[in-house]
Amino acid sequence: MSKEFDGKVVLVTGGASGIGKETARQFLQEGAKVLITDLNVEAGEAFCREVPQSDNVAFFHHDVATEEGWLEAMQFLQKRFGILDILVNSAGVAISTPLEEMSLKEWQKQNGVNLDGTFLGVKNAILAMKGRGGAIVNIASIAADVGIFAAPGYCASKAGVKNFTKAAALYCAHYGYNIRVNAIMPGYIETPMVEAVLKTQGEPGSFGEKLRNLHPIGHFGQPEDIAAGILFAASDKAKFMTGTSIPIDGGYLAQ
């Protein structure tokens, strides 16, 4: 029985944990071959060993914020799987240093991973896909549309991702590349990154409780909630969708 992504090759950045890891898992379950990239070598290699579809997954140590990192990742992907059909730009960092104390280096690191990394991924995916078509899914955030006092740099980077997604989609459409570019905007999801941010803010549980109350559905999301949206955006079911950013946020932005 055929699966939705049989024969497709997918690259997922930040694939060793959180949303990226669950996204890779769901793509593998649906028949895809998946390259996950991450800076966390131990977690990435462990994932490849643990999944039942271990023959169809590979890991590559990858700094998404550098040109060299992307060239090496694409070379590895070509040797291992040959082609690229789908890119998921999931790698991201959140730095919650108070704004007046944040260093330029911290600001640049956050934008380097979240925004520069997305740009470099889209650029290299277009080079790989433009002769045959494909799909790109970027991870933006509700922080692209609202301010968050504890994450001003993160807000700036994700707003950039959202608008860059629109421009990249129009670019691909204008040149007839048959490459769709969309974004997913998660609310607060129970991932290691969110947990780390919550630990830096005030008394244990207080900040987190306030954030949960901002989600009308009554709780944070799970990585599988976001992964399901990513797979939809990458699938043929979304063949008429490009330049769109989809909130999956428990109602956060509906208020």
C-alpha atoms as a PDB file:
ATOM      1  CA  MET A   1       0.000   0.000   0.000  1.00  0.00           C
ATOM      2  CA  SER A   2       1.504   3.301  -1.109  1.00  0.00           C
ATOM      3  CA  LYS A   3       2.145   6.089   1.371  1.00  0.00           C
ATOM      4  CA  GLU A   4       1.780   9.822   0.867  1.00  0.00           C
ATOM      5  CA  PHE A   5       5.483  10.603   0.509  1.00  0.00           C
ATOM      6  CA  ASP A   6       6.764   7.405  -1.106  1.00  0.00           C
ATOM      7  CA  GLY A   7       9.875   8.183  -3.149  1.00  0.00           C
ATOM      8  CA  LYS A   8      10.234  11.729  -1.817  1.00  0.00           C
ATOM      9  CA  VAL A   9      13.474  13.020  -0.325  1.00  0.00           C
ATOM     10  CA  VAL A  10      13.134  15.433   2.586  1.00  0.00           C
ATOM     11  CA  LEU A  11      15.703  17.574   4.403  1.00  0.00           C
ATOM     12  CA  VAL A  12      14.732  18.681   7.912  1.00  0.00           C
ATOM     13  CA  THR A  13      17.013  21.122   9.712  1.00  0.00           C
ATOM     14  CA  GLY A  14      16.957  21.080  13.501  1.00  0.00           C
ATOM     15  CA  GLY A  15      15.846  17.485  13.136  1.00  0.00           C
ATOM     16  CA  ALA A  16      17.409  16.087  16.308  1.00  0.00           C
ATOM     17  CA  SER A  17      14.792  17.449  18.715  1.00  0.00           C
ATOM     18  CA  GLY A  18      11.418  19.111  19.119  1.00  0.00           C
ATOM     19  CA  ILE A  19       9.363  19.987  16.065  1.00  0.00           C
ATOM     20  CA  GLY A  20      12.065  18.950  13.614  1.00  0.00           C
ATOM     21  CA  LYS A  21      12.438  15.504  15.145  1.00  0.00           C
ATOM     22  CA  GLU A  22       8.699  14.816  15.106  1.00  0.00           C
ATOM     23  CA  THR A  23       8.437  16.122  11.542  1.00  0.00           C
ATOM     24  CA  ALA A  24      11.174  13.754  10.411  1.00  0.00           C
ATOM     25  CA  ARG A  25       9.422  10.891  12.194  1.00  0.00           C
ATOM     26  CA  GLN A  26       6.118  11.584  10.436  1.00  0.00           C
ATOM     27  CA  PHE A  27       7.757  11.903   7.006  1.00  0.00           C
ATOM     28  CA  LEU A  28       9.474   8.537   7.533  1.00  0.00           C
ATOM     29  CA  GLN A  29       6.180   6.954   8.539  1.00  0.00           C
ATOM     30  CA  GLU A  30       4.707   8.228   5.275  1.00  0.00           C
ATOM     31  CA  GLY A  31       7.393   6.636   3.129  1.00  0.00           C
ATOM     32  CA  ALA A  32       9.901   9.457   2.633  1.00  0.00           C
ATOM     33  CA  LYS A  33      13.671   9.313   2.774  1.00  0.00           C
ATOM     34  CA  VAL A  34      14.839  11.904   5.282  1.00  0.00           C
ATOM     35  CA  LEU A  35      18.075  13.711   5.997  1.00  0.00           C
ATOM     36  CA  ILE A  36      18.004  15.394   9.383  1.00  0.00           C
ATOM     37  CA  THR A  37      20.622  18.018  10.163  1.00  0.00           C
ATOM     38  CA  ASP A  38      21.520  19.529  13.507  1.00  0.00           C
ATOM     39  CA  LEU A  39      24.415  20.670  15.677  1.00  0.00           C
ATOM     40  CA  ASN A  40      23.548  17.995  18.251  1.00  0.00           C
ATOM     41  CA  VAL A  41      25.401  14.995  16.865  1.00  0.00           C
ATOM     42  CA  GLU A  42      24.550  12.605  19.694  1.00  0.00           C
ATOM     43  CA  ALA A  43      20.792  13.232  19.483  1.00  0.00           C
ATOM     44  CA  GLY A  44      20.763  13.159  15.689  1.00  0.00           C
ATOM     45  CA  GLU A  45      22.600   9.866  15.431  1.00  0.00           C
ATOM     46  CA  ALA A  46      20.453   8.364  18.196  1.00  0.00           C
ATOM     47  CA  PHE A  47      17.286   9.244  16.288  1.00  0.00           C
ATOM     48  CA  CYS A  48      18.584   7.526  13.167  1.00  0.00           C
ATOM     49  CA  ARG A  49      19.285   4.358  15.148  1.00  0.00           C
ATOM     50  CA  GLU A  50      15.967   4.332  16.961  1.00  0.00           C
ATOM     51  CA  VAL A  51      13.428   4.804  14.167  1.00  0.00           C
ATOM     52  CA  PRO A  52      12.060   1.678  12.465  1.00  0.00           C
ATOM     53  CA  GLN A  53      12.848   3.206   9.049  1.00  0.00           C
ATOM     54  CA  SER A  54      16.586   3.498   9.789  1.00  0.00           C
ATOM     55  CA  ASP A  55      17.539   2.602   6.187  1.00  0.00           C
ATOM     56  CA  ASN A  56      15.681   5.685   4.963  1.00  0.00           C
ATOM     57  CA  VAL A  57      17.142   8.261   7.347  1.00  0.00           C
ATOM     58  CA  ALA A  58      20.538   9.885   7.706  1.00  0.00           C
ATOM     59  CA  PHE A  59      22.075  12.538   9.933  1.00  0.00           C
ATOM     60  CA  PHE A  60      24.478  15.353   9.050  1.00  0.00           C
ATOM     61  CA  HIS A  61      26.178  17.767  11.433  1.00  0.00           C
ATOM     62  CA  HIS A  62      25.149  21.157  10.105  1.00  0.00           C
ATOM     63  CA  ASP A  63      25.463  24.815  11.054  1.00  0.00           C
ATOM     64  CA  VAL A  64      22.545  26.364   9.154  1.00  0.00           C
ATOM     65  CA  ALA A  65      23.903  29.895   9.627  1.00  0.00           C
ATOM     66  CA  THR A  66      26.865  29.377   7.281  1.00  0.00           C
ATOM     67  CA  GLU A  67      27.204  29.062   3.508  1.00  0.00           C
ATOM     68  CA  GLU A  68      29.784  26.319   3.983  1.00  0.00           C
ATOM     69  CA  GLY A  69      27.452  24.325   6.188  1.00  0.00           C
ATOM     70  CA  TRP A  70      24.741  24.361   3.561  1.00  0.00           C
ATOM     71  CA  LEU A  71      27.066  23.428   0.706  1.00  0.00           C
ATOM     72  CA  GLU A  72      28.345  20.463   2.697  1.00  0.00           C
ATOM     73  CA  ALA A  73      24.833  19.376   3.709  1.00  0.00           C
ATOM     74  CA  MET A  74      23.597  19.502   0.122  1.00  0.00           C
ATOM     75  CA  GLN A  75      26.608  17.539  -1.094  1.00  0.00           C
ATOM     76  CA  PHE A  76      25.967  14.891   1.550  1.00  0.00           C
ATOM     77  CA  LEU A  77      22.273  14.716   0.616  1.00  0.00           C
ATOM     78  CA  GLN A  78      23.100  14.301  -3.068  1.00  0.00           C
ATOM     79  CA  LYS A  79      25.504  11.447  -2.374  1.00  0.00           C
ATOM     80  CA  ARG A  80      23.104   9.673   0.012  1.00  0.00           C
ATOM     81  CA  PHE A  81      19.701  10.218  -1.628  1.00  0.00           C
ATOM     82  CA  GLY A  82      20.406  11.901  -4.970  1.00  0.00           C
ATOM     83  CA  ILE A  83      17.688  14.560  -5.072  1.00  0.00           C
ATOM     84  CA  LEU A  84      15.715  16.959  -2.902  1.00  0.00           C
ATOM     85  CA  ASP A  85      11.921  17.201  -3.034  1.00  0.00           C
ATOM     86  CA  ILE A  86      11.051  18.910   0.258  1.00  0.00           C
ATOM     87  CA  LEU A  87      12.933  21.235   2.606  1.00  0.00           C
ATOM     88  CA  VAL A  88      11.747  21.965   6.144  1.00  0.00           C
ATOM     89  CA  ASN A  89      13.621  24.874   7.738  1.00  0.00           C
ATOM     90  CA  SER A  90      13.030  23.924  11.365  1.00  0.00           C
ATOM     91  CA  ALA A  91      16.315  24.877  13.048  1.00  0.00           C
ATOM     92  CA  GLY A  92      15.834  27.753  15.465  1.00  0.00           C
ATOM     93  CA  VAL A  93      17.063  29.359  18.668  1.00  0.00           C
ATOM     94  CA  ALA A  94      15.430  31.641  21.231  1.00  0.00           C
ATOM     95  CA  ILE A  95      17.553  33.915  23.413  1.00  0.00           C
ATOM     96  CA  SER A  96      15.673  35.577  26.261  1.00  0.00           C
ATOM     97  CA  THR A  97      18.320  37.981  27.577  1.00  0.00           C
ATOM     98  CA  PRO A  98      16.644  41.253  28.694  1.00  0.00           C
ATOM     99  CA  LEU A  99      16.632  43.701  25.797  1.00  0.00           C
ATOM    100  CA  GLU A 100      18.845  46.351  27.402  1.00  0.00           C
ATOM    101  CA  GLU A 101      21.359  43.655  28.345  1.00  0.00           C
ATOM    102  CA  MET A 102      21.344  41.751  25.074  1.00  0.00           C
ATOM    103  CA  SER A 103      24.640  41.879  23.238  1.00  0.00           C
ATOM    104  CA  LEU A 104      24.934  42.416  19.517  1.00  0.00           C
ATOM    105  CA  LYS A 105      26.501  38.963  19.350  1.00  0.00           C
ATOM    106  CA  GLU A 106      23.371  37.404  20.893  1.00  0.00           C
ATOM    107  CA  TRP A 107      21.136  39.360  18.517  1.00  0.00           C
ATOM    108  CA  GLN A 108      23.204  38.250  15.535  1.00  0.00           C
ATOM    109  CA  LYS A 109      23.287  34.622  16.651  1.00  0.00           C
ATOM    110  CA  GLN A 110      19.496  34.486  16.863  1.00  0.00           C
ATOM    111  CA  ASN A 111      19.027  36.129  13.484  1.00  0.00           C
ATOM    112  CA  GLY A 112      21.836  34.029  12.047  1.00  0.00           C
ATOM    113  CA  VAL A 113      20.101  30.753  12.831  1.00  0.00           C
ATOM    114  CA  ASN A 114      16.453  31.772  12.466  1.00  0.00           C
ATOM    115  CA  LEU A 115      16.590  34.151   9.505  1.00  0.00           C
ATOM    116  CA  ASP A 116      19.941  33.672   7.760  1.00  0.00           C
ATOM    117  CA  GLY A 117      19.563  29.909   8.095  1.00  0.00           C
ATOM    118  CA  THR A 118      16.130  30.063   6.484  1.00  0.00           C
ATOM    119  CA  PHE A 119      17.431  32.215   3.633  1.00  0.00           C
ATOM    120  CA  LEU A 120      20.353  29.866   2.985  1.00  0.00           C
ATOM    121  CA  GLY A 121      18.058  26.855   3.086  1.00  0.00           C
ATOM    122  CA  VAL A 122      15.606  28.367   0.614  1.00  0.00           C
ATOM    123  CA  LYS A 123      18.438  29.464  -1.673  1.00  0.00           C
ATOM    124  CA  ASN A 124      20.016  26.013  -1.776  1.00  0.00           C
ATOM    125  CA  ALA A 125      16.673  24.253  -2.105  1.00  0.00           C
ATOM    126  CA  ILE A 126      15.790  26.392  -5.120  1.00  0.00           C
ATOM    127  CA  LEU A 127      19.108  25.497  -6.737  1.00  0.00           C
ATOM    128  CA  ALA A 128      18.370  21.806  -6.147  1.00  0.00           C
ATOM    129  CA  MET A 129      14.677  21.872  -7.101  1.00  0.00           C
ATOM    130  CA  LYS A 130      14.174  24.415  -9.863  1.00  0.00           C
ATOM    131  CA  GLY A 131      14.561  21.919 -12.673  1.00  0.00           C
ATOM    132  CA  ARG A 132      11.941  19.561 -11.241  1.00  0.00           C
ATOM    133  CA  GLY A 133       9.805  21.367  -8.639  1.00  0.00           C
ATOM    134  CA  GLY A 134       9.329  20.836  -4.943  1.00  0.00           C
ATOM    135  CA  ALA A 135       8.079  22.290  -1.674  1.00  0.00           C
ATOM    136  CA  ILE A 136       9.688  24.386   1.043  1.00  0.00           C
ATOM    137  CA  VAL A 137       8.201  24.814   4.513  1.00  0.00           C
ATOM    138  CA  ASN A 138       9.673  27.439   6.814  1.00  0.00           C
ATOM    139  CA  ILE A 139       8.987  27.635  10.540  1.00  0.00           C
ATOM    140  CA  ALA A 140       7.877  31.123  11.500  1.00  0.00           C
ATOM    141  CA  SER A 141       5.977  31.708  14.750  1.00  0.00           C
ATOM    142  CA  ILE A 142       3.104  33.589  16.319  1.00  0.00           C
ATOM    143  CA  ALA A 143       5.988  35.882  17.309  1.00  0.00           C
ATOM    144  CA  ALA A 144       5.966  37.082  13.701  1.00  0.00           C
ATOM    145  CA  ASP A 145       2.625  38.810  14.354  1.00  0.00           C
ATOM    146  CA  VAL A 146       2.733  39.764  18.042  1.00  0.00           C
ATOM    147  CA  GLY A 147       5.339  41.169  20.380  1.00  0.00           C
ATOM    148  CA  ILE A 148       6.649  39.040  23.247  1.00  0.00           C
ATOM    149  CA  PHE A 149       8.447  40.958  25.977  1.00  0.00           C
ATOM    150  CA  ALA A 150      10.794  38.077  26.762  1.00  0.00           C
ATOM    151  CA  ALA A 151      11.841  37.494  23.149  1.00  0.00           C
ATOM    152  CA  PRO A 152      12.331  40.720  21.139  1.00  0.00           C
ATOM    153  CA  GLY A 153      15.101  39.275  18.981  1.00  0.00           C
ATOM    154  CA  TYR A 154      13.096  36.133  18.320  1.00  0.00           C
ATOM    155  CA  CYS A 155      10.102  38.243  17.272  1.00  0.00           C
ATOM    156  CA  ALA A 156      12.239  40.186  14.826  1.00  0.00           C
ATOM    157  CA  SER A 157      13.748  37.068  13.266  1.00  0.00           C
ATOM    158  CA  LYS A 158      10.425  35.266  12.868  1.00  0.00           C
ATOM    159  CA  ALA A 159       8.728  38.326  11.363  1.00  0.00           C
ATOM    160  CA  GLY A 160      11.536  38.250   8.821  1.00  0.00           C
ATOM    161  CA  VAL A 161      10.906  34.571   8.118  1.00  0.00           C
ATOM    162  CA  LYS A 162       7.209  35.197   7.510  1.00  0.00           C
ATOM    163  CA  ASN A 163       7.672  38.002   5.000  1.00  0.00           C
ATOM    164  CA  PHE A 164      10.655  36.311   3.353  1.00  0.00           C
ATOM    165  CA  THR A 165       8.412  33.285   2.800  1.00  0.00           C
ATOM    166  CA  LYS A 166       5.969  35.456   0.852  1.00  0.00           C
ATOM    167  CA  ALA A 167       8.705  36.998  -1.260  1.00  0.00           C
ATOM    168  CA  ALA A 168      10.400  33.656  -1.961  1.00  0.00           C
ATOM    169  CA  ALA A 169       7.075  32.107  -2.988  1.00  0.00           C
ATOM    170  CA  LEU A 170       6.427  34.947  -5.423  1.00  0.00           C
ATOM    171  CA  TYR A 171       9.966  34.674  -6.743  1.00  0.00           C
ATOM    172  CA  CYS A 172       9.575  30.966  -7.502  1.00  0.00           C
ATOM    173  CA  ALA A 173       6.160  31.518  -9.083  1.00  0.00           C
ATOM    174  CA  HIS A 174       7.431  34.423 -11.210  1.00  0.00           C
ATOM    175  CA  TYR A 175      10.217  32.318 -12.695  1.00  0.00           C
ATOM    176  CA  GLY A 176       8.023  29.242 -13.169  1.00  0.00           C
ATOM    177  CA  TYR A 177      10.105  27.020 -10.897  1.00  0.00           C
ATOM    178  CA  ASN A 178       7.125  24.991  -9.653  1.00  0.00           C
ATOM    179  CA  ILE A 179       8.413  25.342  -6.102  1.00  0.00           C
ATOM    180  CA  ARG A 180       5.894  26.188  -3.400  1.00  0.00           C
ATOM    181  CA  VAL A 181       7.104  28.096  -0.347  1.00  0.00           C
ATOM    182  CA  ASN A 182       4.955  28.277   2.783  1.00  0.00           C
ATOM    183  CA  ALA A 183       5.411  28.768   6.508  1.00  0.00           C
ATOM    184  CA  ILE A 184       3.917  27.373   9.681  1.00  0.00           C
ATOM    185  CA  MET A 185       3.422  29.695  12.673  1.00  0.00           C
ATOM    186  CA  PRO A 186       3.426  27.630  15.869  1.00  0.00           C
ATOM    187  CA  GLY A 187       2.090  28.879  19.152  1.00  0.00           C
ATOM    188  CA  TYR A 188       3.919  27.747  22.275  1.00  0.00           C
ATOM    189  CA  ILE A 189       4.843  24.112  21.814  1.00  0.00           C
ATOM    190  CA  GLU A 190       6.227  21.790  24.479  1.00  0.00           C
ATOM    191  CA  THR A 191       9.775  21.537  23.178  1.00  0.00           C
ATOM    192  CA  PRO A 192      13.206  21.809  24.841  1.00  0.00           C
ATOM    193  CA  MET A 193      13.602  25.332  23.428  1.00  0.00           C
ATOM    194  CA  VAL A 194      10.372  26.611  25.005  1.00  0.00           C
ATOM    195  CA  GLU A 195      11.130  24.874  28.282  1.00  0.00           C
ATOM    196  CA  ALA A 196      14.533  26.582  28.407  1.00  0.00           C
ATOM    197  CA  VAL A 197      12.954  30.019  27.875  1.00  0.00           C
ATOM    198  CA  LEU A 198      10.338  29.439  30.584  1.00  0.00           C
ATOM    199  CA  LYS A 199      13.031  28.552  33.112  1.00  0.00           C
ATOM    200  CA  THR A 200      14.639  31.980  32.697  1.00  0.00           C
ATOM    201  CA  GLN A 201      11.493  33.971  33.489  1.00  0.00           C
ATOM    202  CA  GLY A 202      10.452  34.676  37.078  1.00  0.00           C
ATOM    203  CA  GLU A 203       9.178  32.197  39.598  1.00  0.00           C
ATOM    204  CA  PRO A 204       8.822  28.565  38.511  1.00  0.00           C
ATOM    205  CA  GLY A 205       5.527  28.097  36.694  1.00  0.00           C
ATOM    206  CA  SER A 206       4.324  31.696  36.874  1.00  0.00           C
ATOM    207  CA  PHE A 207       5.385  32.841  33.416  1.00  0.00           C
ATOM    208  CA  GLY A 208       4.446  29.519  31.890  1.00  0.00           C
ATOM    209  CA  GLU A 209       0.970  29.682  33.426  1.00  0.00           C
ATOM    210  CA  LYS A 210       0.432  33.139  31.929  1.00  0.00           C
ATOM    211  CA  LEU A 211       1.451  31.852  28.516  1.00  0.00           C
ATOM    212  CA  ARG A 212      -0.854  28.855  28.737  1.00  0.00           C
ATOM    213  CA  ASN A 213      -3.735  31.190  29.512  1.00  0.00           C
ATOM    214  CA  LEU A 214      -3.035  33.089  26.298  1.00  0.00           C
ATOM    215  CA  HIS A 215      -3.974  29.957  24.328  1.00  0.00           C
ATOM    216  CA  PRO A 216      -7.805  29.784  24.296  1.00  0.00           C
ATOM    217  CA  ILE A 217      -7.662  26.052  23.747  1.00  0.00           C
ATOM    218  CA  GLY A 218      -6.242  25.827  27.281  1.00  0.00           C
ATOM    219  CA  HIS A 219      -2.805  24.247  26.858  1.00  0.00           C
ATOM    220  CA  PHE A 220       0.449  24.341  24.920  1.00  0.00           C
ATOM    221  CA  GLY A 221       0.753  22.411  21.695  1.00  0.00           C
ATOM    222  CA  GLN A 222       2.751  19.254  21.038  1.00  0.00           C
ATOM    223  CA  PRO A 223       5.399  18.763  18.331  1.00  0.00           C
ATOM    224  CA  GLU A 224       3.084  16.384  16.479  1.00  0.00           C
ATOM    225  CA  ASP A 225       0.528  19.188  16.073  1.00  0.00           C
ATOM    226  CA  ILE A 226       3.038  21.268  14.144  1.00  0.00           C
ATOM    227  CA  ALA A 227       4.495  18.332  12.225  1.00  0.00           C
ATOM    228  CA  ALA A 228       1.031  17.492  10.893  1.00  0.00           C
ATOM    229  CA  GLY A 229       0.730  21.011   9.486  1.00  0.00           C
ATOM    230  CA  ILE A 230       4.184  20.819   7.938  1.00  0.00           C
ATOM    231  CA  LEU A 231       3.359  17.571   6.179  1.00  0.00           C
ATOM    232  CA  PHE A 232       0.155  19.072   4.824  1.00  0.00           C
ATOM    233  CA  ALA A 233       1.978  22.131   3.484  1.00  0.00           C
ATOM    234  CA  ALA A 234       4.567  19.888   1.825  1.00  0.00           C
ATOM    235  CA  SER A 235       2.002  17.528   0.294  1.00  0.00           C
ATOM    236  CA  ASP A 236       0.112  17.533  -2.986  1.00  0.00           C
ATOM    237  CA  LYS A 237      -3.014  18.327  -0.958  1.00  0.00           C
ATOM    238  CA  ALA A 238      -1.620  21.860  -0.700  1.00  0.00           C
ATOM    239  CA  LYS A 239      -0.705  22.158  -4.412  1.00  0.00           C
ATOM    240  CA  PHE A 240      -2.583  25.481  -4.764  1.00  0.00           C
ATOM    241  CA  MET A 241      -1.024  27.009  -1.659  1.00  0.00           C
ATOM    242  CA  THR A 242       2.099  29.151  -1.738  1.00  0.00           C
ATOM    243  CA  GLY A 243       3.265  32.277   0.099  1.00  0.00           C
ATOM    244  CA  THR A 244       1.020  31.420   3.037  1.00  0.00           C
ATOM    245  CA  SER A 245       1.811  31.366   6.752  1.00  0.00           C
ATOM    246  CA  ILE A 246      -0.491  29.088   8.727  1.00  0.00           C
ATOM    247  CA  PRO A 247      -0.957  29.623  12.487  1.00  0.00           C
ATOM    248  CA  ILE A 248      -1.194  26.434  14.540  1.00  0.00           C
ATOM    249  CA  ASP A 249      -1.520  28.103  17.881  1.00  0.00           C
ATOM    250  CA  GLY A 250      -4.501  26.980  19.951  1.00  0.00           C
ATOM    251  CA  GLY A 251      -6.325  30.189  19.065  1.00  0.00           C
ATOM    252  CA  TYR A 252      -3.556  32.548  20.235  1.00  0.00           C
ATOM    253  CA  LEU A 253      -3.767  34.895  17.231  1.00  0.00           C
ATOM    254  CA  ALA A 254      -7.555  34.774  17.027  1.00  0.00           C
ATOM    255  CA  GLN A 255      -7.867  37.096  20.021  1.00  0.00           C
END
